Amino acid sequence: RAERGGLGRRPADTPYEYGARLRERLPDAAE
């Protein structure tokens, strides 16, 4: 769903790295 919304995971991202990027883009959903 994030990919469809333009927030896709980079191939080399670990789950923690991807989570950090999502938190930056969706601060209200960080938790």
Full PDB file with SEQRES, HELIX, SHEET, SSBOND, CRYST1, ORIGX, SCALE, CONECT and MASTER records, all heavy atoms in Angstrom:
SEQRES   1 A   31  ARG ALA GLU ARG GLY GLY LEU GLY ARG ARG PRO ALA ASP          
SEQRES   2 A   31  THR PRO TYR GLU TYR GLY ALA ARG LEU ARG GLU ARG LEU          
SEQRES   3 A   31  PRO ASP ALA ALA GLU                                          
HELIX    1 AA1 PRO A   15  ARG A   25  1                                  11    
HELIX    2 AA2 PRO A   27  ALA A   29  5                                   3    
CRYST1    1.000    1.000    1.000  90.00  90.00  90.00 P 1           1          
ORIGX1      1.000000  0.000000  0.000000        0.00000                         
ORIGX2      0.000000  1.000000  0.000000        0.00000                         
ORIGX3      0.000000  0.000000  1.000000        0.00000                         
SCALE1      1.000000  0.000000  0.000000        0.00000                         
SCALE2      0.000000  1.000000  0.000000        0.00000                         
SCALE3      0.000000  0.000000  1.000000        0.00000                         
ATOM      1  N   ARG A   1       0.832  -1.205   0.000  1.00  0.00           N  
ATOM      2  CA  ARG A   1       0.000   0.000   0.000  1.00  0.00           C  
ATOM      3  C   ARG A   1       0.868   1.257   0.000  1.00  0.00           C  
ATOM      4  O   ARG A   1       0.572   2.230  -0.687  1.00  0.00           O  
ATOM      5  CB  ARG A   1      -0.945  -0.013   1.203  1.00  0.00           C  
ATOM      6  CG  ARG A   1      -1.969   1.107   1.133  1.00  0.00           C  
ATOM      7  CD  ARG A   1      -2.997   0.971   2.221  1.00  0.00           C  
ATOM      8  NE  ARG A   1      -3.808  -0.214   2.050  1.00  0.00           N  
ATOM      9  CZ  ARG A   1      -5.000  -0.226   1.449  1.00  0.00           C  
ATOM     10  NH1 ARG A   1      -5.503   0.869   0.972  1.00  0.00           N  
ATOM     11  NH2 ARG A   1      -5.684  -1.344   1.355  1.00  0.00           N  
ATOM     12  N   ALA A   2       1.951   1.231   0.765  1.00  0.00           N  
ATOM     13  CA  ALA A   2       2.863   2.375   0.799  1.00  0.00           C  
ATOM     14  C   ALA A   2       3.494   2.601  -0.574  1.00  0.00           C  
ATOM     15  O   ALA A   2       3.630   3.743  -1.025  1.00  0.00           O  
ATOM     16  CB  ALA A   2       3.933   2.164   1.866  1.00  0.00           C  
ATOM     17  N   GLU A   3       3.856   1.519  -1.234  1.00  0.00           N  
ATOM     18  CA  GLU A   3       4.433   1.613  -2.585  1.00  0.00           C  
ATOM     19  C   GLU A   3       3.461   2.304  -3.534  1.00  0.00           C  
ATOM     20  O   GLU A   3       3.841   3.194  -4.291  1.00  0.00           O  
ATOM     21  CB  GLU A   3       4.768   0.209  -3.100  1.00  0.00           C  
ATOM     22  CG  GLU A   3       5.227   0.165  -4.542  1.00  0.00           C  
ATOM     23  CD  GLU A   3       6.636   0.671  -4.739  1.00  0.00           C  
ATOM     24  OE1 GLU A   3       7.462   0.502  -3.837  1.00  0.00           O  
ATOM     25  OE2 GLU A   3       6.904   1.263  -5.808  1.00  0.00           O  
ATOM     26  N   ARG A   4       2.188   1.896  -3.484  1.00  0.00           N  
ATOM     27  CA  ARG A   4       1.173   2.523  -4.346  1.00  0.00           C  
ATOM     28  C   ARG A   4       1.020   4.008  -4.032  1.00  0.00           C  
ATOM     29  O   ARG A   4       0.648   4.782  -4.904  1.00  0.00           O  
ATOM     30  CB  ARG A   4      -0.162   1.810  -4.201  1.00  0.00           C  
ATOM     31  CG  ARG A   4      -0.183   0.444  -4.848  1.00  0.00           C  
ATOM     32  CD  ARG A   4      -1.594  -0.109  -4.987  1.00  0.00           C  
ATOM     33  NE  ARG A   4      -2.338  -0.181  -3.753  1.00  0.00           N  
ATOM     34  CZ  ARG A   4      -2.393  -1.239  -2.947  1.00  0.00           C  
ATOM     35  NH1 ARG A   4      -1.744  -2.343  -3.258  1.00  0.00           N  
ATOM     36  NH2 ARG A   4      -3.111  -1.219  -1.853  1.00  0.00           N  
ATOM     37  N   GLY A   5       1.309   4.389  -2.792  1.00  0.00           N  
ATOM     38  CA  GLY A   5       1.191   5.792  -2.397  1.00  0.00           C  
ATOM     39  C   GLY A   5       2.473   6.585  -2.552  1.00  0.00           C  
ATOM     40  O   GLY A   5       2.584   7.699  -2.047  1.00  0.00           O  
ATOM     41  N   GLY A   6       3.464   6.013  -3.225  1.00  0.00           N  
ATOM     42  CA  GLY A   6       4.706   6.743  -3.459  1.00  0.00           C  
ATOM     43  C   GLY A   6       5.707   6.663  -2.316  1.00  0.00           C  
ATOM     44  O   GLY A   6       6.662   7.430  -2.281  1.00  0.00           O  
ATOM     45  N   LEU A   7       5.495   5.748  -1.388  1.00  0.00           N  
ATOM     46  CA  LEU A   7       6.390   5.603  -0.241  1.00  0.00           C  
ATOM     47  C   LEU A   7       7.044   4.219  -0.238  1.00  0.00           C  
ATOM     48  O   LEU A   7       7.134   3.564   0.784  1.00  0.00           O  
ATOM     49  CB  LEU A   7       5.616   5.808   1.067  1.00  0.00           C  
ATOM     50  CG  LEU A   7       4.937   7.150   1.248  1.00  0.00           C  
ATOM     51  CD1 LEU A   7       4.081   7.160   2.505  1.00  0.00           C  
ATOM     52  CD2 LEU A   7       5.967   8.255   1.299  1.00  0.00           C  
ATOM     53  N   GLY A   8       7.491   3.814  -1.400  1.00  0.00           N  
ATOM     54  CA  GLY A   8       8.048   2.472  -1.538  1.00  0.00           C  
ATOM     55  C   GLY A   8       9.361   2.266  -0.808  1.00  0.00           C  
ATOM     56  O   GLY A   8      10.082   3.216  -0.494  1.00  0.00           O  
ATOM     57  N   ARG A   9       9.646   1.022  -0.569  1.00  0.00           N  
ATOM     58  CA  ARG A   9      10.881   0.602   0.091  1.00  0.00           C  
ATOM     59  C   ARG A   9      11.974   0.496  -0.954  1.00  0.00           C  
ATOM     60  O   ARG A   9      11.754  -0.029  -2.044  1.00  0.00           O  
ATOM     61  CB  ARG A   9      10.636  -0.760   0.754  1.00  0.00           C  
ATOM     62  CG  ARG A   9      11.796  -1.326   1.480  1.00  0.00           C  
ATOM     63  CD  ARG A   9      11.398  -2.698   2.090  1.00  0.00           C  
ATOM     64  NE  ARG A   9      12.570  -3.408   2.513  1.00  0.00           N  
ATOM     65  CZ  ARG A   9      13.267  -4.250   1.757  1.00  0.00           C  
ATOM     66  NH1 ARG A   9      12.877  -4.505   0.528  1.00  0.00           N  
ATOM     67  NH2 ARG A   9      14.335  -4.841   2.223  1.00  0.00           N  
ATOM     68  N   ARG A  10      13.162   0.990  -0.632  1.00  0.00           N  
ATOM     69  CA  ARG A  10      14.320   0.816  -1.509  1.00  0.00           C  
ATOM     70  C   ARG A  10      14.813  -0.617  -1.364  1.00  0.00           C  
ATOM     71  O   ARG A  10      14.749  -1.186  -0.274  1.00  0.00           O  
ATOM     72  CB  ARG A  10      15.421   1.788  -1.113  1.00  0.00           C  
ATOM     73  CG  ARG A  10      15.031   3.230  -1.278  1.00  0.00           C  
ATOM     74  CD  ARG A  10      16.156   4.121  -0.795  1.00  0.00           C  
ATOM     75  NE  ARG A  10      15.670   5.479  -0.648  1.00  0.00           N  
ATOM     76  CZ  ARG A  10      16.043   6.316   0.304  1.00  0.00           C  
ATOM     77  NH1 ARG A  10      16.918   5.932   1.212  1.00  0.00           N  
ATOM     78  NH2 ARG A  10      15.559   7.522   0.352  1.00  0.00           N  
ATOM     79  N   PRO A  11      15.349  -1.204  -2.424  1.00  0.00           N  
ATOM     80  CA  PRO A  11      15.774  -2.612  -2.350  1.00  0.00           C  
ATOM     81  C   PRO A  11      16.756  -2.917  -1.210  1.00  0.00           C  
ATOM     82  O   PRO A  11      16.690  -3.994  -0.629  1.00  0.00           O  
ATOM     83  CB  PRO A  11      16.428  -2.861  -3.716  1.00  0.00           C  
ATOM     84  CG  PRO A  11      15.767  -1.877  -4.619  1.00  0.00           C  
ATOM     85  CD  PRO A  11      15.498  -0.662  -3.773  1.00  0.00           C  
ATOM     86  N   ALA A  12      17.635  -2.010  -0.881  1.00  0.00           N  
ATOM     87  CA  ALA A  12      18.638  -2.281   0.161  1.00  0.00           C  
ATOM     88  C   ALA A  12      18.182  -1.881   1.564  1.00  0.00           C  
ATOM     89  O   ALA A  12      18.902  -2.103   2.527  1.00  0.00           O  
ATOM     90  CB  ALA A  12      19.946  -1.564  -0.171  1.00  0.00           C  
ATOM     91  N   ASP A  13      16.982  -1.312   1.683  1.00  0.00           N  
ATOM     92  CA  ASP A  13      16.495  -0.881   3.006  1.00  0.00           C  
ATOM     93  C   ASP A  13      16.266  -2.064   3.930  1.00  0.00           C  
ATOM     94  O   ASP A  13      15.615  -3.045   3.546  1.00  0.00           O  
ATOM     95  CB  ASP A  13      15.151  -0.151   2.885  1.00  0.00           C  
ATOM     96  CG  ASP A  13      15.283   1.300   2.500  1.00  0.00           C  
ATOM     97  OD1 ASP A  13      16.402   1.833   2.503  1.00  0.00           O  
ATOM     98  OD2 ASP A  13      14.230   1.904   2.202  1.00  0.00           O  
ATOM     99  N   THR A  14      16.757  -1.949   5.138  1.00  0.00           N  
ATOM    100  CA  THR A  14      16.367  -2.895   6.182  1.00  0.00           C  
ATOM    101  C   THR A  14      14.997  -2.459   6.688  1.00  0.00           C  
ATOM    102  O   THR A  14      14.569  -1.324   6.442  1.00  0.00           O  
ATOM    103  CB  THR A  14      17.363  -2.869   7.353  1.00  0.00           C  
ATOM    104  OG1 THR A  14      17.247  -1.608   8.026  1.00  0.00           O  
ATOM    105  CG2 THR A  14      18.797  -3.114   6.892  1.00  0.00           C  
ATOM    106  N   PRO A  15      14.295  -3.328   7.407  1.00  0.00           N  
ATOM    107  CA  PRO A  15      13.017  -2.887   7.979  1.00  0.00           C  
ATOM    108  C   PRO A  15      13.167  -1.632   8.857  1.00  0.00           C  
ATOM    109  O   PRO A  15      12.305  -0.756   8.835  1.00  0.00           O  
ATOM    110  CB  PRO A  15      12.554  -4.098   8.779  1.00  0.00           C  
ATOM    111  CG  PRO A  15      13.124  -5.253   8.030  1.00  0.00           C  
ATOM    112  CD  PRO A  15      14.493  -4.773   7.599  1.00  0.00           C  
ATOM    113  N   TYR A  16      14.267  -1.542   9.608  1.00  0.00           N  
ATOM    114  CA  TYR A  16      14.471  -0.347  10.444  1.00  0.00           C  
ATOM    115  C   TYR A  16      14.692   0.905   9.592  1.00  0.00           C  
ATOM    116  O   TYR A  16      14.160   1.972   9.902  1.00  0.00           O  
ATOM    117  CB  TYR A  16      15.653  -0.537  11.383  1.00  0.00           C  
ATOM    118  CG  TYR A  16      15.376  -1.441  12.560  1.00  0.00           C  
ATOM    119  CD1 TYR A  16      16.210  -2.506  12.844  1.00  0.00           C  
ATOM    120  CD2 TYR A  16      14.284  -1.230  13.393  1.00  0.00           C  
ATOM    121  CE1 TYR A  16      15.976  -3.341  13.923  1.00  0.00           C  
ATOM    122  CE2 TYR A  16      14.022  -2.062  14.469  1.00  0.00           C  
ATOM    123  CZ  TYR A  16      14.885  -3.112  14.735  1.00  0.00           C  
ATOM    124  OH  TYR A  16      14.639  -3.930  15.798  1.00  0.00           O  
ATOM    125  N   GLU A  17      15.467   0.789   8.525  1.00  0.00           N  
ATOM    126  CA  GLU A  17      15.706   1.950   7.657  1.00  0.00           C  
ATOM    127  C   GLU A  17      14.421   2.390   6.973  1.00  0.00           C  
ATOM    128  O   GLU A  17      14.116   3.583   6.905  1.00  0.00           O  
ATOM    129  CB  GLU A  17      16.773   1.610   6.614  1.00  0.00           C  
ATOM    130  CG  GLU A  17      18.158   1.440   7.195  1.00  0.00           C  
ATOM    131  CD  GLU A  17      19.147   0.814   6.235  1.00  0.00           C  
ATOM    132  OE1 GLU A  17      18.734   0.080   5.299  1.00  0.00           O  
ATOM    133  OE2 GLU A  17      20.348   1.035   6.438  1.00  0.00           O  
ATOM    134  N   TYR A  18      13.674   1.414   6.493  1.00  0.00           N  
ATOM    135  CA  TYR A  18      12.412   1.748   5.843  1.00  0.00           C  
ATOM    136  C   TYR A  18      11.433   2.354   6.849  1.00  0.00           C  
ATOM    137  O   TYR A  18      10.759   3.341   6.558  1.00  0.00           O  
ATOM    138  CB  TYR A  18      11.809   0.513   5.175  1.00  0.00           C  
ATOM    139  CG  TYR A  18      10.530   0.813   4.458  1.00  0.00           C  
ATOM    140  CD1 TYR A  18      10.503   1.742   3.422  1.00  0.00           C  
ATOM    141  CD2 TYR A  18       9.345   0.193   4.809  1.00  0.00           C  
ATOM    142  CE1 TYR A  18       9.320   2.038   2.759  1.00  0.00           C  
ATOM    143  CE2 TYR A  18       8.165   0.475   4.145  1.00  0.00           C  
ATOM    144  CZ  TYR A  18       8.165   1.397   3.130  1.00  0.00           C  
ATOM    145  OH  TYR A  18       6.997   1.701   2.473  1.00  0.00           O  
ATOM    146  N   GLY A  19      11.386   1.786   8.046  1.00  0.00           N  
ATOM    147  CA  GLY A  19      10.519   2.331   9.083  1.00  0.00           C  
ATOM    148  C   GLY A  19      10.867   3.776   9.398  1.00  0.00           C  
ATOM    149  O   GLY A  19       9.973   4.617   9.577  1.00  0.00           O  
ATOM    150  N   ALA A  20      12.153   4.098   9.446  1.00  0.00           N  
ATOM    151  CA  ALA A  20      12.577   5.477   9.722  1.00  0.00           C  
ATOM    152  C   ALA A  20      12.097   6.418   8.621  1.00  0.00           C  
ATOM    153  O   ALA A  20      11.630   7.530   8.904  1.00  0.00           O  
ATOM    154  CB  ALA A  20      14.097   5.546   9.859  1.00  0.00           C  
ATOM    155  N   ARG A  21      12.172   5.977   7.370  1.00  0.00           N  
ATOM    156  CA  ARG A  21      11.688   6.814   6.268  1.00  0.00           C  
ATOM    157  C   ARG A  21      10.182   7.003   6.339  1.00  0.00           C  
ATOM    158  O   ARG A  21       9.674   8.101   6.117  1.00  0.00           O  
ATOM    159  CB  ARG A  21      12.097   6.210   4.923  1.00  0.00           C  
ATOM    160  CG  ARG A  21      13.564   6.445   4.624  1.00  0.00           C  
ATOM    161  CD  ARG A  21      13.999   6.332   3.173  1.00  0.00           C  
ATOM    162  NE  ARG A  21      12.976   6.207   2.189  1.00  0.00           N  
ATOM    163  CZ  ARG A  21      12.607   5.049   1.606  1.00  0.00           C  
ATOM    164  NH1 ARG A  21      13.187   3.923   1.926  1.00  0.00           N  
ATOM    165  NH2 ARG A  21      11.669   5.028   0.691  1.00  0.00           N  
ATOM    166  N   LEU A  22       9.459   5.921   6.667  1.00  0.00           N  
ATOM    167  CA  LEU A  22       8.002   6.052   6.799  1.00  0.00           C  
ATOM    168  C   LEU A  22       7.631   6.997   7.940  1.00  0.00           C  
ATOM    169  O   LEU A  22       6.705   7.797   7.811  1.00  0.00           O  
ATOM    170  CB  LEU A  22       7.349   4.686   7.034  1.00  0.00           C  
ATOM    171  CG  LEU A  22       7.007   3.847   5.829  1.00  0.00           C  
ATOM    172  CD1 LEU A  22       6.299   2.567   6.260  1.00  0.00           C  
ATOM    173  CD2 LEU A  22       6.157   4.608   4.834  1.00  0.00           C  
ATOM    174  N   ARG A  23       8.344   6.897   9.056  1.00  0.00           N  
ATOM    175  CA  ARG A  23       8.059   7.794  10.190  1.00  0.00           C  
ATOM    176  C   ARG A  23       8.270   9.248   9.801  1.00  0.00           C  
ATOM    177  O   ARG A  23       7.512  10.122  10.222  1.00  0.00           O  
ATOM    178  CB  ARG A  23       8.941   7.445  11.389  1.00  0.00           C  
ATOM    179  CG  ARG A  23       8.509   6.205  12.121  1.00  0.00           C  
ATOM    180  CD  ARG A  23       9.207   6.044  13.470  1.00  0.00           C  
ATOM    181  NE  ARG A  23      10.647   6.263  13.419  1.00  0.00           N  
ATOM    182  CZ  ARG A  23      11.553   5.317  13.149  1.00  0.00           C  
ATOM    183  NH1 ARG A  23      11.170   4.078  12.907  1.00  0.00           N  
ATOM    184  NH2 ARG A  23      12.834   5.599  13.132  1.00  0.00           N  
ATOM    185  N   GLU A  24       9.297   9.522   9.004  1.00  0.00           N  
ATOM    186  CA  GLU A  24       9.540  10.893   8.540  1.00  0.00           C  
ATOM    187  C   GLU A  24       8.398  11.392   7.663  1.00  0.00           C  
ATOM    188  O   GLU A  24       7.994  12.547   7.772  1.00  0.00           O  
ATOM    189  CB  GLU A  24      10.848  10.967   7.745  1.00  0.00           C  
ATOM    190  CG  GLU A  24      12.090  10.840   8.576  1.00  0.00           C  
ATOM    191  CD  GLU A  24      13.341  10.786   7.715  1.00  0.00           C  
ATOM    192  OE1 GLU A  24      13.278  11.081   6.504  1.00  0.00           O  
ATOM    193  OE2 GLU A  24      14.405  10.447   8.274  1.00  0.00           O  
ATOM    194  N   ARG A  25       7.907  10.527   6.795  1.00  0.00           N  
ATOM    195  CA  ARG A  25       6.849  10.922   5.861  1.00  0.00           C  
ATOM    196  C   ARG A  25       5.455  10.883   6.485  1.00  0.00           C  
ATOM    197  O   ARG A  25       4.554  11.566   6.020  1.00  0.00           O  
ATOM    198  CB  ARG A  25       6.871  10.008   4.634  1.00  0.00           C  
ATOM    199  CG  ARG A  25       8.175  10.030   3.839  1.00  0.00           C  
ATOM    200  CD  ARG A  25       8.402  11.284   3.019  1.00  0.00           C  
ATOM    201  NE  ARG A  25       7.415  11.527   2.007  1.00  0.00           N  
ATOM    202  CZ  ARG A  25       7.427  11.015   0.781  1.00  0.00           C  
ATOM    203  NH1 ARG A  25       8.388  10.210   0.411  1.00  0.00           N  
ATOM    204  NH2 ARG A  25       6.471  11.318  -0.064  1.00  0.00           N  
ATOM    205  N   LEU A  26       5.293  10.060   7.536  1.00  0.00           N  
ATOM    206  CA  LEU A  26       3.995   9.914   8.202  1.00  0.00           C  
ATOM    207  C   LEU A  26       4.178  10.088   9.712  1.00  0.00           C  
ATOM    208  O   LEU A  26       3.968   9.153  10.485  1.00  0.00           O  
ATOM    209  CB  LEU A  26       3.407   8.525   7.916  1.00  0.00           C  
ATOM    210  CG  LEU A  26       3.239   8.103   6.463  1.00  0.00           C  
ATOM    211  CD1 LEU A  26       2.881   6.635   6.364  1.00  0.00           C  
ATOM    212  CD2 LEU A  26       2.195   8.971   5.779  1.00  0.00           C  
ATOM    213  N   PRO A  27       4.577  11.275  10.155  1.00  0.00           N  
ATOM    214  CA  PRO A  27       4.892  11.443  11.577  1.00  0.00           C  
ATOM    215  C   PRO A  27       3.731  11.122  12.511  1.00  0.00           C  
ATOM    216  O   PRO A  27       3.945  10.641  13.627  1.00  0.00           O  
ATOM    217  CB  PRO A  27       5.326  12.903  11.688  1.00  0.00           C  
ATOM    218  CG  PRO A  27       4.891  13.563  10.435  1.00  0.00           C  
ATOM    219  CD  PRO A  27       4.738  12.502   9.392  1.00  0.00           C  
ATOM    220  N   ASP A  28       2.498  11.329  12.058  1.00  0.00           N  
ATOM    221  CA  ASP A  28       1.354  11.029  12.909  1.00  0.00           C  
ATOM    222  C   ASP A  28       1.118   9.518  13.043  1.00  0.00           C  
ATOM    223  O   ASP A  28       0.341   9.086  13.890  1.00  0.00           O  
ATOM    224  CB  ASP A  28       0.090  11.715  12.379  1.00  0.00           C  
ATOM    225  CG  ASP A  28      -0.252  11.325  10.955  1.00  0.00           C  
ATOM    226  OD1 ASP A  28       0.686  11.135  10.156  1.00  0.00           O  
ATOM    227  OD2 ASP A  28      -1.447  11.219  10.635  1.00  0.00           O  
ATOM    228  N   ALA A  29       1.800   8.721  12.234  1.00  0.00           N  
ATOM    229  CA  ALA A  29       1.661   7.263  12.292  1.00  0.00           C  
ATOM    230  C   ALA A  29       2.938   6.589  12.796  1.00  0.00           C  
ATOM    231  O   ALA A  29       3.071   5.370  12.687  1.00  0.00           O  
ATOM    232  CB  ALA A  29       1.298   6.729  10.909  1.00  0.00           C  
ATOM    233  N   ALA A  30       3.859   7.359  13.359  1.00  0.00           N  
ATOM    234  CA  ALA A  30       5.169   6.831  13.756  1.00  0.00           C  
ATOM    235  C   ALA A  30       5.060   5.653  14.723  1.00  0.00           C  
ATOM    236  O   ALA A  30       5.764   4.647  14.571  1.00  0.00           O  
ATOM    237  CB  ALA A  30       6.026   7.935  14.364  1.00  0.00           C  
ATOM    238  N   GLU A  31       4.188   5.749  15.702  1.00  0.00           N  
ATOM    239  CA  GLU A  31       4.058   4.662  16.680  1.00  0.00           C  
ATOM    240  C   GLU A  31       3.578   3.377  16.011  1.00  0.00           C  
ATOM    241  O   GLU A  31       4.088   2.289  16.298  1.00  0.00           O  
ATOM    242  CB  GLU A  31       3.109   5.056  17.805  1.00  0.00           C  
ATOM    243  CG  GLU A  31       3.027   4.011  18.893  1.00  0.00           C  
ATOM    244  CD  GLU A  31       2.139   4.431  20.050  1.00  0.00           C  
ATOM    245  OE1 GLU A  31       1.978   5.639  20.292  1.00  0.00           O  
ATOM    246  OE2 GLU A  31       1.604   3.525  20.712  1.00  0.00           O  
TER     247      GLU A  31                                                      
MASTER        0    0    0    2    0    0    0    6  246    1    0    3          
END                                                                             
